[in-house]
N, C-alpha and C. Protein backbone atom coordinates (compact mmCIF):
# COMPACT_ATOMS: atom_id res chain seq x y z
N MET A 1 -96.85 -76.58 -71.46
CA MET A 1 -96.62 -75.23 -71.10
C MET A 1 -97.19 -75.17 -69.81
N SER A 2 -98.56 -75.76 -69.33
CA SER A 2 -99.15 -75.59 -68.43
C SER A 2 -98.44 -76.05 -67.12
N GLU A 3 -97.25 -76.82 -67.06
CA GLU A 3 -96.67 -76.99 -65.60
C GLU A 3 -95.77 -75.78 -65.63
N LYS A 4 -95.41 -75.26 -66.29
CA LYS A 4 -94.59 -73.78 -66.21
C LYS A 4 -95.34 -72.72 -65.76
N ILE A 5 -95.23 -71.71 -64.76
CA ILE A 5 -96.02 -70.78 -64.45
C ILE A 5 -95.61 -69.64 -64.91
N LEU A 6 -96.27 -68.60 -65.94
CA LEU A 6 -95.67 -67.98 -66.85
C LEU A 6 -96.57 -66.68 -66.52
N VAL A 7 -97.72 -66.64 -65.67
CA VAL A 7 -98.46 -65.57 -65.28
C VAL A 7 -98.94 -65.29 -64.00
N GLY A 8 -98.60 -64.10 -63.43
CA GLY A 8 -98.90 -64.03 -62.18
C GLY A 8 -100.32 -63.07 -62.44
N ILE A 9 -101.21 -63.77 -61.31
CA ILE A 9 -102.43 -62.61 -61.44
C ILE A 9 -102.58 -62.28 -59.79
N VAL A 10 -102.67 -61.02 -59.59
CA VAL A 10 -102.99 -60.53 -58.00
C VAL A 10 -103.94 -59.73 -58.34
N MET A 11 -104.67 -59.65 -57.12
CA MET A 11 -106.13 -58.89 -56.95
C MET A 11 -105.99 -58.30 -55.36
N GLY A 12 -106.88 -57.45 -55.49
CA GLY A 12 -106.38 -56.43 -54.38
C GLY A 12 -106.98 -56.73 -53.17
N SER A 13 -108.30 -57.76 -53.28
CA SER A 13 -109.47 -58.33 -52.16
C SER A 13 -109.89 -59.43 -52.83
N ASP A 14 -110.03 -60.33 -51.95
CA ASP A 14 -110.56 -61.66 -52.46
C ASP A 14 -112.31 -61.53 -52.87
N SER A 15 -112.67 -60.33 -52.90
CA SER A 15 -113.82 -60.17 -53.83
C SER A 15 -113.53 -59.87 -55.00
N ASP A 16 -112.52 -60.02 -55.65
CA ASP A 16 -112.42 -59.74 -56.91
C ASP A 16 -112.09 -61.06 -57.16
N LEU A 17 -112.29 -62.20 -56.83
CA LEU A 17 -111.60 -63.81 -57.07
C LEU A 17 -112.84 -64.06 -58.01
N GLU A 18 -114.00 -63.95 -57.96
CA GLU A 18 -115.38 -64.24 -58.53
C GLU A 18 -115.42 -63.96 -60.03
N THR A 19 -114.67 -62.71 -60.22
CA THR A 19 -114.73 -62.02 -61.63
C THR A 19 -113.45 -62.29 -61.92
N MET A 20 -112.23 -62.63 -61.55
CA MET A 20 -110.85 -62.82 -61.93
C MET A 20 -111.31 -64.40 -62.31
N LYS A 21 -112.24 -65.16 -62.06
CA LYS A 21 -112.19 -66.54 -62.51
C LYS A 21 -112.03 -66.64 -63.82
N GLU A 22 -112.70 -65.50 -64.56
CA GLU A 22 -112.61 -65.79 -66.17
C GLU A 22 -111.14 -65.42 -66.57
N SER A 23 -110.22 -65.08 -66.17
CA SER A 23 -108.95 -64.83 -66.45
C SER A 23 -108.33 -66.19 -66.26
N THR A 24 -108.48 -66.87 -64.85
CA THR A 24 -108.03 -68.24 -64.82
C THR A 24 -108.38 -69.28 -65.73
N THR A 25 -109.92 -69.28 -65.91
CA THR A 25 -110.25 -70.14 -67.07
C THR A 25 -109.74 -69.93 -68.29
N THR A 26 -109.68 -68.75 -68.75
CA THR A 26 -109.26 -68.48 -70.33
C THR A 26 -107.87 -69.03 -70.16
N LEU A 27 -106.93 -68.62 -69.28
CA LEU A 27 -105.60 -69.02 -69.27
C LEU A 27 -105.50 -70.47 -69.36
N GLU A 28 -106.38 -71.39 -68.49
CA GLU A 28 -106.50 -72.76 -68.69
C GLU A 28 -106.69 -73.37 -69.81
N LYS A 29 -107.22 -72.53 -70.48
CA LYS A 29 -108.02 -72.96 -72.31
C LYS A 29 -106.91 -72.91 -73.26
N PHE A 30 -105.89 -71.99 -72.89
CA PHE A 30 -104.65 -71.80 -73.61
C PHE A 30 -103.60 -72.42 -73.02
N GLY A 31 -103.62 -73.40 -71.91
CA GLY A 31 -102.78 -74.14 -71.10
C GLY A 31 -101.61 -73.37 -70.95
N ILE A 32 -101.82 -72.20 -70.25
CA ILE A 32 -100.63 -71.59 -69.92
C ILE A 32 -100.76 -71.56 -67.99
N GLY A 33 -99.46 -71.79 -67.32
CA GLY A 33 -99.54 -72.04 -66.28
C GLY A 33 -99.60 -70.50 -65.45
N TYR A 34 -100.26 -70.45 -64.25
CA TYR A 34 -100.53 -69.34 -63.57
C TYR A 34 -100.72 -69.32 -61.85
N GLU A 35 -100.13 -68.49 -61.41
CA GLU A 35 -100.63 -68.17 -60.11
C GLU A 35 -101.44 -67.14 -59.74
N VAL A 36 -101.96 -67.33 -58.68
CA VAL A 36 -103.15 -66.33 -58.02
C VAL A 36 -102.47 -65.92 -56.73
N ASN A 37 -102.57 -64.77 -56.19
CA ASN A 37 -102.22 -63.96 -54.82
C ASN A 37 -103.02 -62.55 -54.87
N ILE A 38 -103.66 -62.72 -53.48
CA ILE A 38 -104.27 -61.55 -52.78
C ILE A 38 -103.35 -60.37 -52.25
N ILE A 39 -103.18 -59.34 -53.00
CA ILE A 39 -102.17 -58.63 -52.11
C ILE A 39 -102.58 -56.65 -52.45
N SER A 40 -102.60 -56.32 -51.49
CA SER A 40 -103.22 -54.94 -51.60
C SER A 40 -102.03 -53.82 -51.49
N ALA A 41 -102.30 -53.07 -52.62
CA ALA A 41 -101.18 -51.93 -52.63
C ALA A 41 -101.01 -51.23 -51.35
N HIS A 42 -102.33 -50.94 -50.57
CA HIS A 42 -102.34 -50.03 -49.65
C HIS A 42 -102.36 -50.92 -48.05
N ARG A 43 -102.81 -52.14 -48.30
CA ARG A 43 -102.86 -52.56 -46.70
C ARG A 43 -101.55 -53.65 -47.00
N THR A 44 -101.10 -54.12 -47.85
CA THR A 44 -99.76 -55.01 -47.56
C THR A 44 -98.84 -54.26 -48.96
N PRO A 45 -98.30 -53.09 -48.63
CA PRO A 45 -97.58 -52.53 -49.57
C PRO A 45 -96.04 -53.48 -49.87
N GLN A 46 -95.35 -54.04 -48.27
CA GLN A 46 -94.22 -54.54 -48.72
C GLN A 46 -94.36 -55.92 -49.56
N ARG A 47 -95.67 -56.67 -49.36
CA ARG A 47 -95.78 -57.75 -50.09
C ARG A 47 -96.09 -57.32 -51.39
N ALA A 48 -96.55 -56.22 -51.87
CA ALA A 48 -96.70 -55.93 -52.96
C ALA A 48 -95.13 -55.63 -53.60
N HIS A 49 -94.56 -55.03 -53.24
CA HIS A 49 -93.20 -54.84 -53.57
C HIS A 49 -92.15 -55.98 -53.53
N GLU A 50 -92.53 -57.11 -52.62
CA GLU A 50 -91.76 -58.20 -52.77
C GLU A 50 -92.11 -58.89 -54.00
N TYR A 51 -93.75 -58.97 -54.13
CA TYR A 51 -93.95 -59.84 -55.48
C TYR A 51 -93.73 -59.59 -56.53
N ALA A 52 -93.66 -58.35 -56.79
CA ALA A 52 -93.60 -57.71 -58.27
C ALA A 52 -91.78 -57.57 -58.56
N SER A 53 -90.93 -57.42 -57.36
CA SER A 53 -89.44 -57.14 -57.62
C SER A 53 -89.04 -58.67 -57.68
N THR A 54 -89.52 -59.64 -57.21
CA THR A 54 -89.11 -60.74 -57.50
C THR A 54 -89.90 -61.67 -58.72
N ALA A 55 -90.64 -61.06 -59.45
CA ALA A 55 -91.87 -62.01 -60.36
C ALA A 55 -90.76 -62.53 -61.12
N GLU A 56 -89.76 -61.88 -61.75
CA GLU A 56 -88.98 -62.05 -62.88
C GLU A 56 -88.10 -63.36 -62.65
N THR A 57 -87.25 -63.37 -61.28
CA THR A 57 -86.52 -64.25 -61.10
C THR A 57 -87.19 -65.17 -60.76
N ARG A 58 -88.50 -65.55 -60.35
CA ARG A 58 -89.24 -66.61 -60.21
C ARG A 58 -89.82 -67.22 -61.53
N GLY A 59 -89.67 -66.63 -62.70
CA GLY A 59 -89.88 -67.31 -63.91
C GLY A 59 -91.36 -66.61 -64.33
N LEU A 60 -91.96 -65.70 -63.73
CA LEU A 60 -93.06 -65.09 -64.23
C LEU A 60 -93.09 -64.14 -65.49
N GLU A 61 -93.36 -64.14 -66.56
CA GLU A 61 -93.38 -63.51 -67.74
C GLU A 61 -94.39 -62.34 -68.00
N VAL A 62 -95.77 -62.31 -67.52
CA VAL A 62 -96.68 -61.47 -67.65
C VAL A 62 -97.67 -61.33 -66.52
N ILE A 63 -97.59 -60.23 -66.04
CA ILE A 63 -98.71 -60.24 -64.59
C ILE A 63 -99.78 -59.37 -64.71
N ILE A 64 -100.95 -59.80 -64.18
CA ILE A 64 -102.38 -59.33 -64.57
C ILE A 64 -102.45 -58.89 -63.11
N ALA A 65 -103.13 -57.89 -62.96
CA ALA A 65 -103.19 -57.03 -61.86
C ALA A 65 -104.69 -56.55 -61.63
N ALA A 66 -105.67 -56.97 -60.88
CA ALA A 66 -106.92 -56.40 -60.56
C ALA A 66 -106.99 -55.67 -59.50
N ALA A 67 -107.73 -54.63 -59.60
CA ALA A 67 -108.02 -53.91 -58.37
C ALA A 67 -109.30 -52.82 -58.51
N GLY A 68 -109.81 -52.37 -57.50
CA GLY A 68 -110.94 -51.48 -57.78
C GLY A 68 -110.86 -50.17 -56.85
N GLY A 69 -111.81 -49.39 -57.31
CA GLY A 69 -111.38 -48.11 -56.21
C GLY A 69 -110.49 -47.34 -56.85
N ALA A 70 -109.28 -46.92 -55.97
CA ALA A 70 -108.23 -46.40 -56.39
C ALA A 70 -107.82 -47.20 -57.26
N ALA A 71 -107.45 -48.62 -57.36
CA ALA A 71 -107.14 -49.26 -58.09
C ALA A 71 -105.22 -48.97 -58.43
N HIS A 72 -104.54 -49.16 -57.43
CA HIS A 72 -103.44 -48.84 -57.43
C HIS A 72 -102.45 -50.08 -57.86
N LEU A 73 -102.90 -51.27 -57.54
CA LEU A 73 -102.18 -52.49 -57.70
C LEU A 73 -101.43 -52.69 -58.86
N ALA A 74 -102.09 -52.01 -59.83
CA ALA A 74 -101.55 -52.47 -61.11
C ALA A 74 -100.54 -51.28 -61.23
N GLY A 75 -100.43 -50.30 -60.86
CA GLY A 75 -99.01 -49.17 -60.73
C GLY A 75 -97.89 -49.57 -60.08
N VAL A 76 -98.63 -50.12 -58.69
CA VAL A 76 -97.23 -50.25 -57.92
C VAL A 76 -96.50 -51.67 -58.32
N VAL A 77 -97.35 -52.53 -59.00
CA VAL A 77 -96.82 -53.66 -59.36
C VAL A 77 -95.77 -53.18 -60.73
N ALA A 78 -95.99 -52.60 -61.64
CA ALA A 78 -95.47 -52.22 -62.79
C ALA A 78 -94.26 -51.08 -62.29
N ALA A 79 -94.52 -50.40 -61.16
CA ALA A 79 -93.03 -49.74 -60.56
C ALA A 79 -92.01 -50.87 -60.52
N TRP A 80 -92.22 -51.82 -59.77
CA TRP A 80 -91.30 -52.74 -59.23
C TRP A 80 -90.49 -53.55 -60.40
N THR A 81 -91.37 -53.99 -61.41
CA THR A 81 -90.83 -54.97 -62.29
C THR A 81 -90.91 -54.40 -63.94
N VAL A 82 -90.02 -54.96 -64.47
CA VAL A 82 -89.99 -54.63 -66.02
C VAL A 82 -91.08 -55.66 -66.81
N LEU A 83 -91.72 -56.17 -66.10
CA LEU A 83 -92.46 -57.43 -66.86
C LEU A 83 -93.72 -56.40 -67.38
N PRO A 84 -94.52 -56.98 -68.59
CA PRO A 84 -95.75 -56.13 -68.78
C PRO A 84 -96.84 -56.81 -67.94
N VAL A 85 -97.46 -55.45 -67.46
CA VAL A 85 -98.74 -55.78 -66.42
C VAL A 85 -99.62 -55.38 -67.21
N ILE A 86 -100.93 -55.69 -66.96
CA ILE A 86 -102.13 -55.76 -67.42
C ILE A 86 -103.21 -55.44 -66.20
N GLY A 87 -103.84 -54.34 -66.10
CA GLY A 87 -104.69 -54.14 -65.31
C GLY A 87 -106.13 -54.42 -65.93
N VAL A 88 -106.75 -54.96 -64.73
CA VAL A 88 -108.11 -55.27 -64.86
C VAL A 88 -108.72 -54.44 -63.84
N PRO A 89 -109.59 -53.27 -64.23
CA PRO A 89 -110.24 -52.39 -63.09
C PRO A 89 -111.46 -53.34 -62.94
N MET A 90 -111.81 -53.32 -61.42
CA MET A 90 -113.08 -53.77 -61.14
C MET A 90 -114.07 -53.09 -61.10
N GLN A 91 -115.56 -53.55 -61.25
CA GLN A 91 -116.57 -52.77 -60.95
C GLN A 91 -116.58 -52.23 -59.56
N THR A 92 -117.29 -51.15 -59.14
CA THR A 92 -117.23 -50.58 -57.90
C THR A 92 -118.71 -49.94 -57.93
N PRO A 93 -119.30 -50.13 -56.37
CA PRO A 93 -120.62 -49.52 -56.55
C PRO A 93 -121.02 -48.02 -56.76
N ILE A 94 -119.72 -47.26 -56.47
CA ILE A 94 -119.52 -45.92 -56.71
C ILE A 94 -119.93 -45.74 -58.00
N SER A 95 -119.11 -46.11 -58.94
CA SER A 95 -119.15 -45.72 -60.48
C SER A 95 -119.16 -46.77 -61.37
N GLY A 96 -119.53 -47.86 -60.92
CA GLY A 96 -119.48 -49.25 -61.73
C GLY A 96 -118.24 -49.33 -62.38
N GLY A 97 -116.92 -49.14 -61.83
CA GLY A 97 -115.83 -49.14 -62.50
C GLY A 97 -115.08 -48.15 -62.97
N LEU A 98 -115.81 -47.22 -63.39
CA LEU A 98 -115.26 -46.04 -64.06
C LEU A 98 -113.99 -45.43 -63.18
N ASP A 99 -114.17 -45.23 -61.89
CA ASP A 99 -112.95 -44.97 -60.93
C ASP A 99 -111.79 -45.92 -61.00
N SER A 100 -111.95 -47.15 -61.19
CA SER A 100 -110.90 -47.90 -60.97
C SER A 100 -110.37 -48.06 -62.55
N LEU A 101 -110.87 -47.67 -63.43
CA LEU A 101 -110.46 -47.55 -65.20
C LEU A 101 -109.77 -46.38 -64.96
N LEU A 102 -110.25 -45.45 -64.59
CA LEU A 102 -109.31 -44.16 -64.68
C LEU A 102 -108.16 -44.14 -63.72
N SER A 103 -108.17 -45.02 -62.58
CA SER A 103 -106.78 -44.68 -62.04
C SER A 103 -106.01 -45.78 -62.99
N MET A 104 -106.41 -46.63 -63.26
CA MET A 104 -105.45 -47.29 -64.29
C MET A 104 -104.78 -46.92 -65.14
N VAL A 105 -105.52 -46.19 -66.23
CA VAL A 105 -105.21 -45.75 -67.21
C VAL A 105 -104.08 -44.33 -67.25
N GLN A 106 -104.45 -43.67 -66.15
CA GLN A 106 -103.92 -42.24 -65.92
C GLN A 106 -102.42 -42.69 -65.10
N MET A 107 -101.71 -43.34 -65.59
CA MET A 107 -100.36 -43.90 -64.60
C MET A 107 -99.16 -42.76 -65.59
N PRO A 108 -98.40 -42.33 -64.89
CA PRO A 108 -97.26 -41.48 -65.43
C PRO A 108 -96.26 -41.66 -66.24
N SER A 109 -95.93 -41.08 -66.89
CA SER A 109 -94.91 -41.56 -67.98
C SER A 109 -93.81 -42.41 -67.30
N GLY A 110 -93.39 -43.46 -67.95
CA GLY A 110 -92.73 -44.33 -67.77
C GLY A 110 -92.70 -45.33 -66.79
N VAL A 111 -94.18 -45.50 -66.51
CA VAL A 111 -94.54 -46.73 -65.61
C VAL A 111 -95.98 -47.14 -66.40
N PRO A 112 -95.51 -47.76 -67.41
CA PRO A 112 -97.23 -48.17 -68.33
C PRO A 112 -97.83 -49.25 -67.54
N VAL A 113 -98.97 -49.42 -67.91
CA VAL A 113 -100.08 -50.48 -67.38
C VAL A 113 -100.57 -50.30 -68.48
N ALA A 114 -101.01 -51.78 -69.46
CA ALA A 114 -101.87 -52.22 -70.35
C ALA A 114 -102.99 -52.07 -69.46
N CYS A 115 -104.23 -51.85 -69.97
CA CYS A 115 -105.52 -51.90 -69.22
C CYS A 115 -106.55 -52.26 -70.08
N VAL A 116 -107.49 -53.28 -69.69
CA VAL A 116 -108.66 -53.80 -70.47
C VAL A 116 -110.11 -53.33 -69.85
N ALA A 117 -111.15 -53.68 -70.32
CA ALA A 117 -112.19 -53.50 -69.61
C ALA A 117 -112.63 -53.85 -68.37
N THR A 118 -113.56 -53.12 -67.91
CA THR A 118 -113.83 -53.11 -66.43
C THR A 118 -114.50 -54.78 -66.20
N GLY A 119 -114.57 -55.31 -65.21
CA GLY A 119 -115.36 -56.70 -64.87
C GLY A 119 -114.80 -57.84 -65.62
N LYS A 120 -115.80 -58.73 -65.65
CA LYS A 120 -115.67 -60.04 -66.17
C LYS A 120 -115.07 -59.77 -67.83
N ALA A 121 -115.62 -58.85 -68.50
CA ALA A 121 -114.86 -58.93 -70.08
C ALA A 121 -113.32 -58.51 -69.86
N GLY A 122 -113.12 -57.96 -69.16
CA GLY A 122 -111.74 -57.32 -68.93
C GLY A 122 -110.83 -58.42 -68.31
N ALA A 123 -111.60 -59.28 -67.27
CA ALA A 123 -110.68 -60.26 -66.72
C ALA A 123 -110.36 -61.49 -68.23
N LYS A 124 -111.27 -61.69 -69.18
CA LYS A 124 -111.03 -62.40 -70.12
C LYS A 124 -110.02 -61.78 -70.53
N ASN A 125 -110.14 -60.64 -71.06
CA ASN A 125 -109.32 -60.24 -72.16
C ASN A 125 -107.81 -60.01 -71.82
N SER A 126 -108.06 -59.99 -70.37
CA SER A 126 -106.51 -59.88 -69.81
C SER A 126 -105.56 -61.17 -70.11
N ALA A 127 -106.31 -62.29 -69.79
CA ALA A 127 -105.83 -63.23 -70.21
C ALA A 127 -105.54 -63.91 -71.58
N ILE A 128 -106.41 -63.14 -72.33
CA ILE A 128 -105.96 -63.36 -73.93
C ILE A 128 -105.11 -62.19 -74.33
N LEU A 129 -104.97 -61.27 -73.58
CA LEU A 129 -103.79 -60.48 -74.06
C LEU A 129 -102.58 -61.02 -73.23
N ALA A 130 -102.62 -61.64 -72.25
CA ALA A 130 -101.26 -62.29 -71.74
C ALA A 130 -100.81 -63.39 -72.65
N ALA A 131 -101.69 -64.06 -73.23
CA ALA A 131 -101.52 -65.10 -74.22
C ALA A 131 -101.00 -64.38 -75.64
N GLN A 132 -101.17 -63.57 -76.00
CA GLN A 132 -100.71 -62.83 -77.09
C GLN A 132 -99.32 -62.54 -76.89
N ILE A 133 -99.02 -62.02 -75.69
CA ILE A 133 -97.77 -61.23 -75.37
C ILE A 133 -97.04 -62.59 -75.09
N LEU A 134 -97.24 -63.68 -74.76
CA LEU A 134 -96.44 -64.85 -74.54
C LEU A 134 -96.33 -65.64 -76.18
N GLY A 135 -97.29 -65.19 -76.73
CA GLY A 135 -97.11 -65.77 -78.22
C GLY A 135 -96.10 -65.26 -78.76
N VAL A 136 -95.68 -64.32 -78.57
CA VAL A 136 -94.24 -63.84 -79.07
C VAL A 136 -93.42 -64.56 -79.27
N LYS A 137 -93.20 -65.32 -77.54
CA LYS A 137 -92.01 -66.15 -77.71
C LYS A 137 -92.42 -67.53 -77.66
N TYR A 138 -93.50 -68.12 -77.74
CA TYR A 138 -94.22 -69.41 -77.90
C TYR A 138 -94.80 -69.69 -78.82
N PRO A 139 -94.42 -70.50 -80.26
CA PRO A 139 -95.16 -70.40 -81.59
C PRO A 139 -96.36 -71.21 -81.24
N ASN A 140 -96.23 -72.32 -80.31
CA ASN A 140 -97.39 -73.01 -80.22
C ASN A 140 -98.59 -72.77 -79.71
N LEU A 141 -98.49 -71.22 -78.79
CA LEU A 141 -99.27 -70.29 -78.22
C LEU A 141 -100.09 -69.58 -79.07
N ARG A 142 -98.88 -69.30 -80.07
CA ARG A 142 -99.53 -68.30 -81.38
C ARG A 142 -100.61 -69.38 -82.07
N GLU A 143 -100.24 -70.34 -82.71
CA GLU A 143 -101.22 -71.47 -83.03
C GLU A 143 -102.40 -71.32 -82.42
N LYS A 144 -102.44 -71.69 -81.17
CA LYS A 144 -103.69 -71.70 -80.33
C LYS A 144 -104.64 -70.29 -80.43
N LEU A 145 -104.09 -69.46 -80.44
CA LEU A 145 -104.41 -67.81 -80.52
C LEU A 145 -105.24 -67.60 -81.86
N LYS A 146 -104.60 -68.17 -82.70
CA LYS A 146 -104.93 -68.10 -84.23
C LYS A 146 -106.25 -69.11 -84.37
N ALA A 147 -106.29 -70.33 -83.79
CA ALA A 147 -107.35 -70.84 -83.71
C ALA A 147 -108.88 -70.47 -82.94
N PHE A 148 -108.39 -69.78 -81.63
CA PHE A 148 -109.43 -69.20 -80.93
C PHE A 148 -109.71 -68.15 -81.78
N LYS A 149 -109.08 -67.19 -82.42
CA LYS A 149 -109.89 -66.10 -83.26
C LYS A 149 -110.67 -66.62 -84.40
N GLU A 150 -110.25 -67.80 -85.00
CA GLU A 150 -111.19 -68.34 -85.99
C GLU A 150 -112.47 -68.67 -85.54
N GLN A 151 -112.23 -69.65 -84.11
CA GLN A 151 -113.52 -70.24 -83.65
C GLN A 151 -114.59 -68.92 -83.10
N ILE A 152 -114.13 -67.97 -82.58
CA ILE A 152 -115.04 -66.67 -82.09
C ILE A 152 -115.48 -66.14 -83.68
N ALA A 153 -114.83 -66.16 -84.54
CA ALA A 153 -115.43 -65.74 -85.83
C ALA A 153 -116.47 -66.65 -86.72
N MET A 154 -116.39 -67.84 -86.30
CA MET A 154 -117.34 -68.81 -86.59
C MET A 154 -118.59 -68.23 -85.75
N GLU A 155 -118.32 -68.34 -84.46
CA GLU A 155 -119.24 -68.24 -83.57
C GLU A 155 -120.49 -67.06 -83.86
N VAL A 156 -119.58 -65.86 -84.22
CA VAL A 156 -120.31 -64.63 -84.44
C VAL A 156 -121.48 -65.22 -85.92
N GLU A 157 -120.33 -65.86 -87.11
CA GLU A 157 -121.32 -66.07 -88.24
C GLU A 157 -122.71 -67.05 -88.04
N GLU A 158 -122.34 -68.24 -87.12
CA GLU A 158 -123.61 -68.89 -86.81
C GLU A 158 -124.72 -67.82 -86.15
N LYS A 159 -124.17 -67.12 -85.34
CA LYS A 159 -125.36 -66.31 -84.50
C LYS A 159 -126.10 -65.64 -85.73
N ASN A 160 -125.13 -65.21 -86.58
CA ASN A 160 -125.79 -64.15 -87.58
C ASN A 160 -126.22 -64.95 -88.48
N LYS A 161 -126.49 -66.11 -89.04
CA LYS A 161 -127.41 -66.68 -89.48
C LYS A 161 -128.54 -67.35 -88.74
N LEU A 162 -128.14 -67.72 -87.53
CA LEU A 162 -129.52 -67.94 -86.82
C LEU A 162 -130.43 -66.80 -86.36
N ASN A 163 -129.75 -65.56 -86.60
CA ASN A 163 -130.81 -64.41 -86.27
C ASN A 163 -130.89 -63.62 -87.62
N LYS A 164 -130.89 -64.07 -88.94
CA LYS A 164 -131.01 -63.10 -90.01
C LYS A 164 -132.35 -62.73 -89.77
N ILE A 165 -132.41 -61.62 -90.27
CA ILE A 165 -133.79 -61.01 -90.12
C ILE A 165 -134.14 -60.79 -91.85
N SER A 166 -135.19 -61.36 -92.20
CA SER A 166 -135.80 -61.25 -93.65
C SER A 166 -136.84 -60.25 -93.87
N ARG A 167 -136.47 -59.95 -95.10
CA ARG A 167 -137.15 -58.65 -95.50
C ARG A 167 -138.21 -59.07 -96.52
N SER A 168 -139.40 -58.26 -96.34
CA SER A 168 -140.36 -59.03 -97.49
C SER A 168 -140.62 -58.27 -98.58
N ARG A 169 -139.82 -56.98 -98.48
CA ARG A 169 -139.44 -56.41 -99.65
C ARG A 169 -138.24 -55.55 -99.65
N GLU A 170 -137.80 -55.21 -100.89
CA GLU A 170 -136.50 -54.60 -101.04
C GLU A 170 -136.88 -53.39 -100.72
N HIS A 171 -135.82 -52.26 -100.46
CA HIS A 171 -135.63 -50.91 -100.07
C HIS A 171 -134.80 -50.29 -101.44
N ASN A 172 -135.06 -49.60 -101.61
CA ASN A 172 -134.37 -48.61 -102.92
C ASN A 172 -133.60 -47.54 -102.39
């Protein structure tokens, strides 16, 4: 599956690359092909339009859009495509990413953007959500997701065993 590029990752600035490595690493673990582009909704609006409006014909099936501050990239992309768009709000020095988050989740009716957490957790979750969306069409990916969910559950159980607090007496 990884030879075919199914997910487009766009970000407003190269300063987002470090955070979005979580997305690319996670997609690679699931064997999902992706492309990465730096496209600004404000500084390169024509490029954003071209990218989004041709995404489907180029074979993309999901787009992940990361941006900070005004965070318009996800909405601009969603306006120009019918593909699912997942927004990743970047953390900012002004409000830790709350500004980015609010910009993404306040999309007007008719232009939905799925939105995940800010920062690295959101970047990783965007890839998992993309995999889940693609899993509707690709049964082998669904199986990988089931194994992933089982693995993370086992990791939590192992941590629980290692960190079990013993009580010296019972409480009534």
